[in-house]
Amino acid sequence: MRYVPVSLFTALVVKDIFITPDYVVSIAGRAPEMIAAVIVIGIAYWTRSMAISVVLGLGAVFLLAMVV
């Protein structure tokens, strides 16, 4: 039961990044989300806080979507 929250969060993130609304696996046009995911992995590893990871991840997606 220790890994249930992590596995659920991973499933949601992977589905959002790699699966299109037509249920096709695609990475085209997903650069901001992928970069933000890598940033959030680092933040989550160092802080061990889900709240900080989510907030900073949302900020990273927002900023990267404007730039990329």
PDB file of N, CA and C in Angstrom:
ATOM      1  N   MET A   1       0.813  -1.197   0.000  1.00  0.00           N
ATOM      2  CA  MET A   1       0.000   0.000   0.000  1.00  0.00           C
ATOM      3  C   MET A   1       0.857   1.263   0.000  1.00  0.00           C
ATOM      4  N   ARG A   2       2.114   1.104   0.247  1.00  0.00           N
ATOM      5  CA  ARG A   2       3.007   2.250   0.332  1.00  0.00           C
ATOM      6  C   ARG A   2       3.161   2.955  -1.017  1.00  0.00           C
ATOM      7  N   TYR A   3       3.077   2.209  -2.100  1.00  0.00           N
ATOM      8  CA  TYR A   3       3.336   2.777  -3.426  1.00  0.00           C
ATOM      9  C   TYR A   3       2.071   3.117  -4.209  1.00  0.00           C
ATOM     10  N   VAL A   4       0.918   2.996  -3.612  1.00  0.00           N
ATOM     11  CA  VAL A   4      -0.331   3.280  -4.317  1.00  0.00           C
ATOM     12  C   VAL A   4      -0.422   4.735  -4.768  1.00  0.00           C
ATOM     13  N   PRO A   5      -0.168   5.735  -3.909  1.00  0.00           N
ATOM     14  CA  PRO A   5      -0.259   7.123  -4.379  1.00  0.00           C
ATOM     15  C   PRO A   5       0.724   7.438  -5.512  1.00  0.00           C
ATOM     16  N   VAL A   6       1.918   6.912  -5.420  1.00  0.00           N
ATOM     17  CA  VAL A   6       2.924   7.159  -6.452  1.00  0.00           C
ATOM     18  C   VAL A   6       2.500   6.517  -7.774  1.00  0.00           C
ATOM     19  N   SER A   7       2.000   5.312  -7.710  1.00  0.00           N
ATOM     20  CA  SER A   7       1.608   4.633  -8.947  1.00  0.00           C
ATOM     21  C   SER A   7       0.389   5.292  -9.586  1.00  0.00           C
ATOM     22  N   LEU A   8      -0.564   5.759  -8.789  1.00  0.00           N
ATOM     23  CA  LEU A   8      -1.723   6.458  -9.343  1.00  0.00           C
ATOM     24  C   LEU A   8      -1.312   7.776  -9.994  1.00  0.00           C
ATOM     25  N   PHE A   9      -0.458   8.525  -9.325  1.00  0.00           N
ATOM     26  CA  PHE A   9       0.015   9.799  -9.871  1.00  0.00           C
ATOM     27  C   PHE A   9       0.791   9.571 -11.162  1.00  0.00           C
ATOM     28  N   THR A  10       1.623   8.543 -11.197  1.00  0.00           N
ATOM     29  CA  THR A  10       2.388   8.216 -12.403  1.00  0.00           C
ATOM     30  C   THR A  10       1.468   7.852 -13.557  1.00  0.00           C
ATOM     31  N   ALA A  11       0.450   7.065 -13.289  1.00  0.00           N
ATOM     32  CA  ALA A  11      -0.490   6.678 -14.344  1.00  0.00           C
ATOM     33  C   ALA A  11      -1.204   7.893 -14.921  1.00  0.00           C
ATOM     34  N   LEU A  12      -1.609   8.817 -14.085  1.00  0.00           N
ATOM     35  CA  LEU A  12      -2.284  10.023 -14.568  1.00  0.00           C
ATOM     36  C   LEU A  12      -1.356  10.893 -15.402  1.00  0.00           C
ATOM     37  N   VAL A  13      -0.132  11.056 -14.952  1.00  0.00           N
ATOM     38  CA  VAL A  13       0.827  11.900 -15.665  1.00  0.00           C
ATOM     39  C   VAL A  13       1.201  11.288 -17.005  1.00  0.00           C
ATOM     40  N   VAL A  14       1.477  10.001 -17.033  1.00  0.00           N
ATOM     41  CA  VAL A  14       1.857   9.334 -18.280  1.00  0.00           C
ATOM     42  C   VAL A  14       0.715   9.396 -19.287  1.00  0.00           C
ATOM     43  N   LYS A  15      -0.507   9.185 -18.829  1.00  0.00           N
ATOM     44  CA  LYS A  15      -1.652   9.266 -19.725  1.00  0.00           C
ATOM     45  C   LYS A  15      -1.794  10.680 -20.285  1.00  0.00           C
ATOM     46  N   ASP A  16      -1.600  11.679 -19.462  1.00  0.00           N
ATOM     47  CA  ASP A  16      -1.751  13.063 -19.915  1.00  0.00           C
ATOM     48  C   ASP A  16      -0.668  13.463 -20.912  1.00  0.00           C
ATOM     49  N   ILE A  17       0.538  12.973 -20.735  1.00  0.00           N
ATOM     50  CA  ILE A  17       1.641  13.379 -21.600  1.00  0.00           C
ATOM     51  C   ILE A  17       1.691  12.566 -22.893  1.00  0.00           C
ATOM     52  N   PHE A  18       1.512  11.273 -22.829  1.00  0.00           N
ATOM     53  CA  PHE A  18       1.778  10.411 -23.975  1.00  0.00           C
ATOM     54  C   PHE A  18       0.548   9.903 -24.727  1.00  0.00           C
ATOM     55  N   ILE A  19      -0.649  10.031 -24.177  1.00  0.00           N
ATOM     56  CA  ILE A  19      -1.850   9.515 -24.824  1.00  0.00           C
ATOM     57  C   ILE A  19      -2.708  10.693 -25.295  1.00  0.00           C
ATOM     58  N   THR A  20      -3.058  10.691 -26.581  1.00  0.00           N
ATOM     59  CA  THR A  20      -3.896  11.756 -27.141  1.00  0.00           C
ATOM     60  C   THR A  20      -5.366  11.501 -26.802  1.00  0.00           C
ATOM     61  N   PRO A  21      -6.230  12.495 -27.038  1.00  0.00           N
ATOM     62  CA  PRO A  21      -7.668  12.264 -26.792  1.00  0.00           C
ATOM     63  C   PRO A  21      -8.263  11.141 -27.643  1.00  0.00           C
ATOM     64  N   ASP A  22      -7.601  10.792 -28.755  1.00  0.00           N
ATOM     65  CA  ASP A  22      -8.051   9.678 -29.592  1.00  0.00           C
ATOM     66  C   ASP A  22      -7.469   8.345 -29.141  1.00  0.00           C
ATOM     67  N   TYR A  23      -6.810   8.319 -27.990  1.00  0.00           N
ATOM     68  CA  TYR A  23      -6.181   7.125 -27.421  1.00  0.00           C
ATOM     69  C   TYR A  23      -5.092   6.554 -28.300  1.00  0.00           C
ATOM     70  N   VAL A  24      -4.250   7.442 -28.824  1.00  0.00           N
ATOM     71  CA  VAL A  24      -3.096   7.065 -29.625  1.00  0.00           C
ATOM     72  C   VAL A  24      -1.853   7.565 -28.881  1.00  0.00           C
ATOM     73  N   VAL A  25      -0.820   6.746 -28.827  1.00  0.00           N
ATOM     74  CA  VAL A  25       0.425   7.151 -28.173  1.00  0.00           C
ATOM     75  C   VAL A  25       1.166   8.100 -29.104  1.00  0.00           C
ATOM     76  N   SER A  26       1.480   9.300 -28.586  1.00  0.00           N
ATOM     77  CA  SER A  26       2.157  10.304 -29.396  1.00  0.00           C
ATOM     78  C   SER A  26       2.931  11.248 -28.493  1.00  0.00           C
ATOM     79  N   ILE A  27       4.111  11.670 -28.965  1.00  0.00           N
ATOM     80  CA  ILE A  27       4.883  12.658 -28.224  1.00  0.00           C
ATOM     81  C   ILE A  27       5.010  13.969 -28.996  1.00  0.00           C
ATOM     82  N   ALA A  28       4.402  14.034 -30.169  1.00  0.00           N
ATOM     83  CA  ALA A  28       4.476  15.232 -30.995  1.00  0.00           C
ATOM     84  C   ALA A  28       3.724  16.382 -30.328  1.00  0.00           C
ATOM     85  N   GLY A  29       4.379  17.514 -30.221  1.00  0.00           N
ATOM     86  CA  GLY A  29       3.753  18.695 -29.651  1.00  0.00           C
ATOM     87  C   GLY A  29       3.626  18.679 -28.139  1.00  0.00           C
ATOM     88  N   ARG A  30       4.335  17.816 -27.471  1.00  0.00           N
ATOM     89  CA  ARG A  30       4.234  17.697 -26.016  1.00  0.00           C
ATOM     90  C   ARG A  30       5.510  18.134 -25.300  1.00  0.00           C
ATOM     91  N   ALA A  31       6.331  18.938 -25.953  1.00  0.00           N
ATOM     92  CA  ALA A  31       7.612  19.347 -25.359  1.00  0.00           C
ATOM     93  C   ALA A  31       7.444  20.080 -24.031  1.00  0.00           C
ATOM     94  N   PRO A  32       6.544  21.064 -23.908  1.00  0.00           N
ATOM     95  CA  PRO A  32       6.425  21.739 -22.609  1.00  0.00           C
ATOM     96  C   PRO A  32       6.052  20.786 -21.469  1.00  0.00           C
ATOM     97  N   GLU A  33       5.142  19.867 -21.734  1.00  0.00           N
ATOM     98  CA  GLU A  33       4.727  18.924 -20.695  1.00  0.00           C
ATOM     99  C   GLU A  33       5.854  17.970 -20.322  1.00  0.00           C
ATOM    100  N   MET A  34       6.628  17.519 -21.315  1.00  0.00           N
ATOM    101  CA  MET A  34       7.729  16.594 -21.022  1.00  0.00           C
ATOM    102  C   MET A  34       8.844  17.279 -20.233  1.00  0.00           C
ATOM    103  N   ILE A  35       9.178  18.502 -20.610  1.00  0.00           N
ATOM    104  CA  ILE A  35      10.213  19.243 -19.881  1.00  0.00           C
ATOM    105  C   ILE A  35       9.747  19.513 -18.453  1.00  0.00           C
ATOM    106  N   ALA A  36       8.484  19.919 -18.306  1.00  0.00           N
ATOM    107  CA  ALA A  36       7.942  20.173 -16.967  1.00  0.00           C
ATOM    108  C   ALA A  36       7.931  18.891 -16.134  1.00  0.00           C
ATOM    109  N   ALA A  37       7.663  17.745 -16.756  1.00  0.00           N
ATOM    110  CA  ALA A  37       7.668  16.474 -16.030  1.00  0.00           C
ATOM    111  C   ALA A  37       9.057  16.161 -15.480  1.00  0.00           C
ATOM    112  N   VAL A  38      10.078  16.421 -16.265  1.00  0.00           N
ATOM    113  CA  VAL A  38      11.451  16.191 -15.795  1.00  0.00           C
ATOM    114  C   VAL A  38      11.778  17.131 -14.638  1.00  0.00           C
ATOM    115  N   ILE A  39      11.349  18.385 -14.752  1.00  0.00           N
ATOM    116  CA  ILE A  39      11.574  19.354 -13.669  1.00  0.00           C
ATOM    117  C   ILE A  39      10.869  18.893 -12.397  1.00  0.00           C
ATOM    118  N   VAL A  40       9.627  18.451 -12.531  1.00  0.00           N
ATOM    119  CA  VAL A  40       8.851  18.011 -11.365  1.00  0.00           C
ATOM    120  C   VAL A  40       9.447  16.763 -10.734  1.00  0.00           C
ATOM    121  N   ILE A  41       9.995  15.865 -11.533  1.00  0.00           N
ATOM    122  CA  ILE A  41      10.643  14.677 -10.970  1.00  0.00           C
ATOM    123  C   ILE A  41      11.792  15.105 -10.054  1.00  0.00           C
ATOM    124  N   GLY A  42      12.590  16.061 -10.513  1.00  0.00           N
ATOM    125  CA  GLY A  42      13.679  16.561  -9.676  1.00  0.00           C
ATOM    126  C   GLY A  42      13.189  17.248  -8.417  1.00  0.00           C
ATOM    127  N   ILE A  43      12.163  18.081  -8.554  1.00  0.00           N
ATOM    128  CA  ILE A  43      11.609  18.785  -7.396  1.00  0.00           C
ATOM    129  C   ILE A  43      11.023  17.788  -6.392  1.00  0.00           C
ATOM    130  N   ALA A  44      10.288  16.809  -6.890  1.00  0.00           N
ATOM    131  CA  ALA A  44       9.689  15.813  -6.001  1.00  0.00           C
ATOM    132  C   ALA A  44      10.750  14.982  -5.291  1.00  0.00           C
ATOM    133  N   TYR A  45      11.827  14.686  -5.983  1.00  0.00           N
ATOM    134  CA  TYR A  45      12.902  13.899  -5.367  1.00  0.00           C
ATOM    135  C   TYR A  45      13.557  14.668  -4.223  1.00  0.00           C
ATOM    136  N   TRP A  46      13.803  15.966  -4.446  1.00  0.00           N
ATOM    137  CA  TRP A  46      14.497  16.740  -3.421  1.00  0.00           C
ATOM    138  C   TRP A  46      13.601  17.205  -2.288  1.00  0.00           C
ATOM    139  N   THR A  47      12.353  17.532  -2.566  1.00  0.00           N
ATOM    140  CA  THR A  47      11.483  18.065  -1.513  1.00  0.00           C
ATOM    141  C   THR A  47      10.613  17.009  -0.854  1.00  0.00           C
ATOM    142  N   ARG A  48      10.289  15.921  -1.573  1.00  0.00           N
ATOM    143  CA  ARG A  48       9.397  14.864  -1.085  1.00  0.00           C
ATOM    144  C   ARG A  48       8.011  15.414  -0.737  1.00  0.00           C
ATOM    145  N   SER A  49       7.626  16.513  -1.386  1.00  0.00           N
ATOM    146  CA  SER A  49       6.333  17.138  -1.131  1.00  0.00           C
ATOM    147  C   SER A  49       5.485  17.114  -2.392  1.00  0.00           C
ATOM    148  N   MET A  50       4.333  16.486  -2.322  1.00  0.00           N
ATOM    149  CA  MET A  50       3.433  16.416  -3.460  1.00  0.00           C
ATOM    150  C   MET A  50       2.873  17.800  -3.779  1.00  0.00           C
ATOM    151  N   ALA A  51       2.544  18.582  -2.757  1.00  0.00           N
ATOM    152  CA  ALA A  51       1.957  19.903  -2.974  1.00  0.00           C
ATOM    153  C   ALA A  51       2.925  20.836  -3.700  1.00  0.00           C
ATOM    154  N   ILE A  52       4.163  20.879  -3.247  1.00  0.00           N
ATOM    155  CA  ILE A  52       5.171  21.729  -3.894  1.00  0.00           C
ATOM    156  C   ILE A  52       5.418  21.255  -5.318  1.00  0.00           C
ATOM    157  N   SER A  53       5.465  19.963  -5.521  1.00  0.00           N
ATOM    158  CA  SER A  53       5.692  19.407  -6.856  1.00  0.00           C
ATOM    159  C   SER A  53       4.572  19.788  -7.817  1.00  0.00           C
ATOM    160  N   VAL A  54       3.335  19.695  -7.368  1.00  0.00           N
ATOM    161  CA  VAL A  54       2.194  20.018  -8.229  1.00  0.00           C
ATOM    162  C   VAL A  54       2.178  21.503  -8.568  1.00  0.00           C
ATOM    163  N   VAL A  55       2.370  22.350  -7.577  1.00  0.00           N
ATOM    164  CA  VAL A  55       2.325  23.797  -7.809  1.00  0.00           C
ATOM    165  C   VAL A  55       3.457  24.235  -8.740  1.00  0.00           C
ATOM    166  N   LEU A  56       4.665  23.783  -8.485  1.00  0.00           N
ATOM    167  CA  LEU A  56       5.781  24.162  -9.339  1.00  0.00           C
ATOM    168  C   LEU A  56       5.673  23.523 -10.724  1.00  0.00           C
ATOM    169  N   GLY A  57       5.100  22.339 -10.804  1.00  0.00           N
ATOM    170  CA  GLY A  57       4.877  21.704 -12.098  1.00  0.00           C
ATOM    171  C   GLY A  57       3.884  22.470 -12.952  1.00  0.00           C
ATOM    172  N   LEU A  58       2.808  22.928 -12.342  1.00  0.00           N
ATOM    173  CA  LEU A  58       1.834  23.741 -13.070  1.00  0.00           C
ATOM    174  C   LEU A  58       2.458  25.042 -13.549  1.00  0.00           C
ATOM    175  N   GLY A  59       3.274  25.655 -12.701  1.00  0.00           N
ATOM    176  CA  GLY A  59       3.977  26.874 -13.105  1.00  0.00           C
ATOM    177  C   GLY A  59       4.949  26.613 -14.246  1.00  0.00           C
ATOM    178  N   ALA A  60       5.641  25.478 -14.188  1.00  0.00           N
ATOM    179  CA  ALA A  60       6.593  25.141 -15.245  1.00  0.00           C
ATOM    180  C   ALA A  60       5.884  24.901 -16.570  1.00  0.00           C
ATOM    181  N   VAL A  61       4.748  24.200 -16.557  1.00  0.00           N
ATOM    182  CA  VAL A  61       3.990  23.969 -17.788  1.00  0.00           C
ATOM    183  C   VAL A  61       3.507  25.304 -18.356  1.00  0.00           C
ATOM    184  N   PHE A  62       3.006  26.170 -17.505  1.00  0.00           N
ATOM    185  CA  PHE A  62       2.520  27.471 -17.956  1.00  0.00           C
ATOM    186  C   PHE A  62       3.633  28.274 -18.621  1.00  0.00           C
ATOM    187  N   LEU A  63       4.778  28.379 -17.945  1.00  0.00           N
ATOM    188  CA  LEU A  63       5.889  29.163 -18.498  1.00  0.00           C
ATOM    189  C   LEU A  63       6.465  28.531 -19.761  1.00  0.00           C
ATOM    190  N   LEU A  64       6.618  27.220 -19.765  1.00  0.00           N
ATOM    191  CA  LEU A  64       7.169  26.543 -20.936  1.00  0.00           C
ATOM    192  C   LEU A  64       6.219  26.607 -22.126  1.00  0.00           C
ATOM    193  N   ALA A  65       4.925  26.556 -21.882  1.00  0.00           N
ATOM    194  CA  ALA A  65       3.960  26.653 -22.981  1.00  0.00           C
ATOM    195  C   ALA A  65       4.025  28.032 -23.637  1.00  0.00           C
ATOM    196  N   MET A  66       4.368  29.047 -22.868  1.00  0.00           N
ATOM    197  CA  MET A  66       4.500  30.395 -23.421  1.00  0.00           C
ATOM    198  C   MET A  66       5.786  30.542 -24.222  1.00  0.00           C
ATOM    199  N   VAL A  67       6.835  29.845 -23.818  1.00  0.00           N
ATOM    200  CA  VAL A  67       8.153  29.987 -24.441  1.00  0.00           C
ATOM    201  C   VAL A  67       8.334  29.033 -25.617  1.00  0.00           C
ATOM    202  N   VAL A  68       7.967  27.774 -25.438  1.00  0.00           N
ATOM    203  CA  VAL A  68       8.229  26.748 -26.464  1.00  0.00           C
ATOM    204  C   VAL A  68       7.151  26.720 -27.503  1.00  0.00           C
TER     205      VAL A  68
END
